[in-house]
C-alpha atoms as a PDB file:
ATOM      1  CA  MET A   1     103.129 135.670 103.561  1.00  0.00           C
ATOM      2  CA  ARG A   2     100.018 133.451 103.483  1.00  0.00           C
ATOM      3  CA  GLY A   3      97.886 132.938 100.541  1.00  0.00           C
ATOM      4  CA  ASN A   4      94.304 132.667 100.709  1.00  0.00           C
ATOM      5  CA  SER A   5      91.703 130.575 100.146  1.00  0.00           C
ATOM      6  CA  THR A   6      90.132 131.831  96.787  1.00  0.00           C
ATOM      7  CA  ASN A   7      93.695 131.467  95.549  1.00  0.00           C
ATOM      8  CA  GLN A   8      93.445 127.985  93.327  1.00  0.00           C
ATOM      9  CA  ARG A   9      97.481 128.087  92.795  1.00  0.00           C
ATOM     10  CA  PRO A  10      98.572 124.777  94.600  1.00  0.00           C
ATOM     11  CA  THR A  11     100.797 125.320  97.505  1.00  0.00           C
ATOM     12  CA  ILE A  12     103.285 123.048  98.961  1.00  0.00           C
ATOM     13  CA  PHE A  13     102.251 123.509 102.840  1.00  0.00           C
ATOM     14  CA  ILE A  14     105.536 122.068 104.724  1.00  0.00           C
ATOM     15  CA  VAL A  15     105.143 121.376 108.200  1.00  0.00           C
ATOM     16  CA  ASP A  16     108.073 120.653 111.011  1.00  0.00           C
ATOM     17  CA  ASP A  17     109.583 122.152 113.911  1.00  0.00           C
ATOM     18  CA  ASP A  18     113.286 122.158 112.758  1.00  0.00           C
ATOM     19  CA  SER A  19     113.576 125.448 110.871  1.00  0.00           C
ATOM     20  CA  ALA A  20     116.466 124.577 109.171  1.00  0.00           C
ATOM     21  CA  VAL A  21     114.582 122.032 107.064  1.00  0.00           C
ATOM     22  CA  ARG A  22     111.683 124.476 106.740  1.00  0.00           C
ATOM     23  CA  ASP A  23     113.936 126.713 105.019  1.00  0.00           C
ATOM     24  CA  ALA A  24     116.103 124.337 102.888  1.00  0.00           C
ATOM     25  CA  LEU A  25     112.922 122.902 101.616  1.00  0.00           C
ATOM     26  CA  LYS A  26     111.403 126.210 101.097  1.00  0.00           C
ATOM     27  CA  LEU A  27     114.337 127.171  98.877  1.00  0.00           C
ATOM     28  CA  LEU A  28     114.415 123.779  97.503  1.00  0.00           C
ATOM     29  CA  LEU A  29     110.823 123.550  95.856  1.00  0.00           C
ATOM     30  CA  ARG A  30     110.838 127.521  95.343  1.00  0.00           C
ATOM     31  CA  SER A  31     113.589 126.828  93.187  1.00  0.00           C
ATOM     32  CA  VAL A  32     111.431 124.410  91.344  1.00  0.00           C
ATOM     33  CA  GLY A  33     108.923 127.459  90.703  1.00  0.00           C
ATOM     34  CA  GLN A  34     106.254 125.745  93.446  1.00  0.00           C
ATOM     35  CA  ALA A  35     104.255 128.358  95.677  1.00  0.00           C
ATOM     36  CA  VAL A  36     105.319 127.287  99.334  1.00  0.00           C
ATOM     37  CA  GLU A  37     103.922 127.898 103.053  1.00  0.00           C
ATOM     38  CA  THR A  38     106.054 126.735 106.079  1.00  0.00           C
ATOM     39  CA  TYR A  39     104.735 126.240 109.486  1.00  0.00           C
ATOM     40  CA  ALA A  40     106.643 125.145 112.544  1.00  0.00           C
ATOM     41  CA  SER A  41     103.831 123.159 114.250  1.00  0.00           C
ATOM     42  CA  ALA A  42     100.851 121.458 113.172  1.00  0.00           C
ATOM     43  CA  GLN A  43      98.436 123.903 115.264  1.00  0.00           C
ATOM     44  CA  GLU A  44     100.093 126.558 113.256  1.00  0.00           C
ATOM     45  CA  PHE A  45      99.059 125.033 110.220  1.00  0.00           C
ATOM     46  CA  LEU A  46      95.453 123.819 111.299  1.00  0.00           C
ATOM     47  CA  ASP A  47      94.678 127.594 112.479  1.00  0.00           C
ATOM     48  CA  SER A  48      96.045 128.677 108.530  1.00  0.00           C
ATOM     49  CA  TYR A  49      94.817 126.052 106.166  1.00  0.00           C
ATOM     50  CA  GLY A  50      91.663 126.540 104.188  1.00  0.00           C
ATOM     51  CA  MET A  51      90.315 122.687 103.129  1.00  0.00           C
ATOM     52  CA  ASP A  52      89.693 124.189  99.707  1.00  0.00           C
ATOM     53  CA  ARG A  53      93.051 125.096  99.509  1.00  0.00           C
ATOM     54  CA  PRO A  54      95.181 122.742  96.427  1.00  0.00           C
ATOM     55  CA  GLY A  55      98.781 121.299  97.093  1.00  0.00           C
ATOM     56  CA  CYS A  56      99.884 118.809  99.204  1.00  0.00           C
ATOM     57  CA  LEU A  57     101.227 118.476 102.564  1.00  0.00           C
ATOM     58  CA  VAL A  58     104.851 117.788 103.469  1.00  0.00           C
ATOM     59  CA  LEU A  59     104.872 116.906 107.110  1.00  0.00           C
ATOM     60  CA  ASP A  60     107.408 115.999 109.707  1.00  0.00           C
ATOM     61  CA  ILE A  61     106.127 112.277 111.364  1.00  0.00           C
ATOM     62  CA  ARG A  62     107.774 114.024 114.477  1.00  0.00           C
ATOM     63  CA  MET A  63     107.101 116.626 116.031  1.00  0.00           C
ATOM     64  CA  PRO A  64     106.470 118.377 119.747  1.00  0.00           C
ATOM     65  CA  GLY A  65     102.583 119.214 120.512  1.00  0.00           C
ATOM     66  CA  ILE A  66     100.850 117.651 117.682  1.00  0.00           C
ATOM     67  CA  SER A  67     102.328 114.920 116.134  1.00  0.00           C
ATOM     68  CA  GLY A  68     102.236 114.574 112.334  1.00  0.00           C
ATOM     69  CA  LEU A  69     100.229 111.481 112.836  1.00  0.00           C
ATOM     70  CA  GLU A  70      97.809 113.387 115.285  1.00  0.00           C
ATOM     71  CA  LEU A  71      97.723 115.733 112.839  1.00  0.00           C
ATOM     72  CA  GLN A  72      96.725 113.495 109.972  1.00  0.00           C
ATOM     73  CA  GLN A  73      94.087 112.386 111.801  1.00  0.00           C
ATOM     74  CA  LYS A  74      92.980 115.326 112.536  1.00  0.00           C
ATOM     75  CA  LEU A  75      92.689 116.637 108.917  1.00  0.00           C
ATOM     76  CA  ASN A  76      90.602 113.383 108.091  1.00  0.00           C
ATOM     77  CA  GLU A  77      87.941 113.857 110.507  1.00  0.00           C
ATOM     78  CA  LYS A  78      87.796 116.667 108.733  1.00  0.00           C
ATOM     79  CA  HIS A  79      87.229 114.769 105.738  1.00  0.00           C
ATOM     80  CA  SER A  80      90.564 116.671 103.641  1.00  0.00           C
ATOM     81  CA  ILE A  81      91.443 115.566 100.831  1.00  0.00           C
ATOM     82  CA  LEU A  82      95.150 116.877 101.043  1.00  0.00           C
ATOM     83  CA  PRO A  83      97.717 114.563 100.334  1.00  0.00           C
ATOM     84  CA  ILE A  84     100.188 114.187 102.598  1.00  0.00           C
ATOM     85  CA  ILE A  85     103.857 113.194 102.105  1.00  0.00           C
ATOM     86  CA  PHE A  86     105.967 111.944 105.142  1.00  0.00           C
ATOM     87  CA  ILE A  87     109.245 112.886 105.829  1.00  0.00           C
ATOM     88  CA  THR A  88     110.472 110.063 108.338  1.00  0.00           C
ATOM     89  CA  GLY A  89     114.108 109.535 109.944  1.00  0.00           C
ATOM     90  CA  HIS A  90     115.599 105.496 110.682  1.00  0.00           C
ATOM     91  CA  GLY A  91     113.755 103.723 112.698  1.00  0.00           C
ATOM     92  CA  ASP A  92     110.381 105.627 112.121  1.00  0.00           C
ATOM     93  CA  VAL A  93     109.223 102.926 109.089  1.00  0.00           C
ATOM     94  CA  PRO A  94     106.596 101.555 111.386  1.00  0.00           C
ATOM     95  CA  MET A  95     104.957 104.789 112.200  1.00  0.00           C
ATOM     96  CA  ALA A  96     105.156 105.625 108.156  1.00  0.00           C
ATOM     97  CA  VAL A  97     103.370 102.432 107.497  1.00  0.00           C
ATOM     98  CA  GLU A  98     100.996 103.710 110.245  1.00  0.00           C
ATOM     99  CA  ALA A  99     100.503 106.988 108.049  1.00  0.00           C
ATOM    100  CA  MET A 100     100.003 104.759 104.960  1.00  0.00           C
ATOM    101  CA  GLN A 101      97.304 103.130 106.175  1.00  0.00           C
ATOM    102  CA  ALA A 102      95.589 106.150 107.322  1.00  0.00           C
ATOM    103  CA  GLY A 103      95.718 107.540 103.678  1.00  0.00           C
ATOM    104  CA  ALA A 104      99.041 109.174 102.979  1.00  0.00           C
ATOM    105  CA  VAL A 105     100.404 109.010  99.554  1.00  0.00           C
ATOM    106  CA  ASP A 106     103.755 108.522 100.404  1.00  0.00           C
ATOM    107  CA  PHE A 107     106.709 108.787 102.995  1.00  0.00           C
ATOM    108  CA  ILE A 108     110.238 109.722 102.220  1.00  0.00           C
ATOM    109  CA  GLN A 109     113.366 108.888 104.672  1.00  0.00           C
ATOM    110  CA  LYS A 110     116.137 110.884 105.987  1.00  0.00           C
ATOM    111  CA  PRO A 111     118.738 111.561 103.737  1.00  0.00           C
ATOM    112  CA  PHE A 112     116.722 111.900 101.067  1.00  0.00           C
ATOM    113  CA  ARG A 113     117.993 113.344  97.845  1.00  0.00           C
ATOM    114  CA  ASP A 114     116.190 116.608  96.794  1.00  0.00           C
ATOM    115  CA  GLN A 115     115.007 115.292  93.039  1.00  0.00           C
ATOM    116  CA  ASP A 116     113.015 112.118  94.633  1.00  0.00           C
ATOM    117  CA  LEU A 117     111.095 114.515  96.966  1.00  0.00           C
ATOM    118  CA  ILE A 118     110.514 116.544  93.855  1.00  0.00           C
ATOM    119  CA  ASP A 119     109.413 114.061  92.431  1.00  0.00           C
ATOM    120  CA  ARG A 120     106.896 112.839  95.045  1.00  0.00           C
ATOM    121  CA  ILE A 121     105.631 115.928  95.472  1.00  0.00           C
ATOM    122  CA  ASN A 122     104.723 116.351  92.114  1.00  0.00           C
ATOM    123  CA  GLN A 123     103.013 113.054  92.035  1.00  0.00           C
ATOM    124  CA  ALA A 124     100.941 114.147  95.093  1.00  0.00           C
ATOM    125  CA  LEU A 125      99.980 116.876  93.042  1.00  0.00           C
ATOM    126  CA  GLU A 126      98.613 115.133  90.491  1.00  0.00           C
ATOM    127  CA  LYS A 127      96.609 113.094  92.917  1.00  0.00           C
ATOM    128  CA  ASP A 128      95.368 116.424  94.804  1.00  0.00           C
ATOM    129  CA  SER A 129      94.158 117.957  91.253  1.00  0.00           C
ATOM    130  CA  SER A 130      92.366 114.655  90.269  1.00  0.00           C
ATOM    131  CA  ASN A 131      90.600 114.221  93.444  1.00  0.00           C
ATOM    132  CA  ARG A 132      89.392 118.011  93.438  1.00  0.00           C
ATOM    133  CA  ALA A 133      88.270 117.467  89.513  1.00  0.00           C
ATOM    134  CA  ALA A 134      86.076 114.347  90.974  1.00  0.00           C
ATOM    135  CA  LEU A 135      84.902 116.043  94.187  1.00  0.00           C
ATOM    136  CA  GLY A 136      83.825 119.199  92.061  1.00  0.00           C
ATOM    137  CA  GLU A 137      82.037 117.014  89.740  1.00  0.00           C
ATOM    138  CA  ARG A 138      80.347 115.159  92.173  1.00  0.00           C
ATOM    139  CA  ASN A 139      79.396 118.213  94.182  1.00  0.00           C
ATOM    140  CA  ASP A 140      77.949 119.092  90.638  1.00  0.00           C
ATOM    141  CA  ILE A 141      75.617 116.225  90.511  1.00  0.00           C
ATOM    142  CA  ARG A 142      74.382 116.639  94.194  1.00  0.00           C
ATOM    143  CA  ARG A 143      73.624 120.618  93.054  1.00  0.00           C
ATOM    144  CA  ARG A 144      71.558 119.135  89.737  1.00  0.00           C
ATOM    145  CA  LEU A 145      69.766 116.407  92.209  1.00  0.00           C
ATOM    146  CA  GLU A 146      68.512 119.004  94.239  1.00  0.00           C
ATOM    147  CA  THR A 147      66.927 120.480  91.267  1.00  0.00           C
ATOM    148  CA  LEU A 148      64.656 117.626  90.523  1.00  0.00           C
ATOM    149  CA  THR A 149      60.715 117.631  92.554  1.00  0.00           C
ATOM    150  CA  PRO A 150      59.557 114.653  94.548  1.00  0.00           C
ATOM    151  CA  ARG A 151      58.041 113.017  91.598  1.00  0.00           C
ATOM    152  CA  GLU A 152      61.237 113.151  89.475  1.00  0.00           C
ATOM    153  CA  HIS A 153      63.225 111.701  92.339  1.00  0.00           C
ATOM    154  CA  GLU A 154      60.462 108.840  92.672  1.00  0.00           C
ATOM    155  CA  VAL A 155      61.216 108.228  88.660  1.00  0.00           C
ATOM    156  CA  LEU A 156      64.637 108.778  88.723  1.00  0.00           C
ATOM    157  CA  GLU A 157      64.549 106.282  91.438  1.00  0.00           C
ATOM    158  CA  LEU A 158      62.948 103.749  89.571  1.00  0.00           C
ATOM    159  CA  VAL A 159      64.507 104.336  86.367  1.00  0.00           C
ATOM    160  CA  VAL A 160      68.503 103.079  87.822  1.00  0.00           C
ATOM    161  CA  ARG A 161      67.088 100.211  89.214  1.00  0.00           C
ATOM    162  CA  GLY A 162      66.539  99.599  85.421  1.00  0.00           C
ATOM    163  CA  LYS A 163      62.860  99.845  84.671  1.00  0.00           C
ATOM    164  CA  ALA A 164      61.095 100.534  82.065  1.00  0.00           C
ATOM    165  CA  ASN A 165      58.246 103.453  81.465  1.00  0.00           C
ATOM    166  CA  LYS A 166      55.581 101.179  81.569  1.00  0.00           C
ATOM    167  CA  VAL A 167      56.296  99.290  84.825  1.00  0.00           C
ATOM    168  CA  ILE A 168      56.729 102.797  86.321  1.00  0.00           C
ATOM    169  CA  ALA A 169      53.361 104.054  85.568  1.00  0.00           C
ATOM    170  CA  GLY A 170      51.891 101.069  87.440  1.00  0.00           C
ATOM    171  CA  ASP A 171      54.711 101.337  90.657  1.00  0.00           C
ATOM    172  CA  LEU A 172      53.640 104.861  90.671  1.00  0.00           C
ATOM    173  CA  LYS A 173      50.020 105.483  89.456  1.00  0.00           C
ATOM    174  CA  LEU A 174      50.740 107.199  86.628  1.00  0.00           C
ATOM    175  CA  SER A 175      50.398 107.267  82.886  1.00  0.00           C
ATOM    176  CA  GLN A 176      52.995 106.155  80.536  1.00  0.00           C
ATOM    177  CA  ARG A 177      53.041 109.544  78.879  1.00  0.00           C
ATOM    178  CA  THR A 178      53.407 111.112  82.420  1.00  0.00           C
ATOM    179  CA  VAL A 179      56.184 109.144  83.530  1.00  0.00           C
ATOM    180  CA  GLU A 180      58.098 110.034  80.009  1.00  0.00           C
ATOM    181  CA  ILE A 181      57.762 113.292  80.646  1.00  0.00           C
ATOM    182  CA  HIS A 182      59.146 113.286  83.977  1.00  0.00           C
ATOM    183  CA  ARG A 183      61.861 111.421  82.773  1.00  0.00           C
ATOM    184  CA  ALA A 184      62.626 113.379  79.913  1.00  0.00           C
ATOM    185  CA  ARG A 185      63.223 115.873  82.464  1.00  0.00           C
ATOM    186  CA  VAL A 186      65.254 113.971  84.580  1.00  0.00           C
ATOM    187  CA  MET A 187      67.648 113.593  81.876  1.00  0.00           C
ATOM    188  CA  GLU A 188      67.813 117.461  81.287  1.00  0.00           C
ATOM    189  CA  LYS A 189      67.999 118.698  84.798  1.00  0.00           C
ATOM    190  CA  MET A 190      70.739 115.627  85.080  1.00  0.00           C
ATOM    191  CA  GLN A 191      72.344 117.134  81.835  1.00  0.00           C
ATOM    192  CA  ALA A 192      72.890 113.084  81.198  1.00  0.00           C
ATOM    193  CA  SER A 193      73.248 111.973  77.471  1.00  0.00           C
ATOM    194  CA  SER A 194      72.322 108.815  77.849  1.00  0.00           C
ATOM    195  CA  LEU A 195      70.407 105.804  80.039  1.00  0.00           C
ATOM    196  CA  ALA A 196      73.718 104.807  81.347  1.00  0.00           C
ATOM    197  CA  HIS A 197      75.623 108.375  81.761  1.00  0.00           C
ATOM    198  CA  LEU A 198      72.120 109.026  84.524  1.00  0.00           C
ATOM    199  CA  VAL A 199      73.074 106.089  85.656  1.00  0.00           C
ATOM    200  CA  ARG A 200      76.580 106.246  86.328  1.00  0.00           C
ATOM    201  CA  MET A 201      76.188 110.049  87.953  1.00  0.00           C
ATOM    202  CA  VAL A 202      73.779 108.647  90.643  1.00  0.00           C
ATOM    203  CA  LEU A 203      76.033 105.358  91.586  1.00  0.00           C
ATOM    204  CA  GLU A 204      78.628 108.544  91.642  1.00  0.00           C
ATOM    205  CA  VAL A 205      77.518 109.800  94.261  1.00  0.00           C
ATOM    206  CA  GLY A 206      75.739 106.779  95.838  1.00  0.00           C
ATOM    207  CA  GLN A 207      72.036 107.348  95.662  1.00  0.00           C
ATOM    208  CA  GLY A 208      69.364 105.445  93.506  1.00  0.00           C
END
């Protein structure tokens, strides 16, 4: 049974055209308490997956129709941050290297030890959790930036460049007191604990 996009429990998504592999991996991962969904093709996964769902993708590199590498490319085009672990056969190392260069977190060659796969999946889940936390923080910063007035944006830009209030006042043709008021409002709206914190937030989202 498929979960919905509001379910924030991490899920292991298995995409493999071999039903025996899908069933074996599902049994293994459920035995260690993981939530698992299986898909027989890349297209089936694409049709079902919601981009906000956490977890990791365990993906066969060779499949009929859309290959594992092609699925990875499609997810990259959608700016997916879902970590991918490729399952490869003998002789697929060059393809696996290509997958790693395109952002896959790992690959594992058949035959593999169950514990090796479990360990790599746990590492991928930790990476996904930290990536989503960072993404959430960046989105929060962007939302705060959207609350600033045009004048506050101007002051913010100059503050981040390291300009003093007196210089900002001259640049914007304002009184120094007015700049101080705008600066205080920027700090409050951005929930910045210090100037360094404010600068870090702006750099985090590539503004300023």
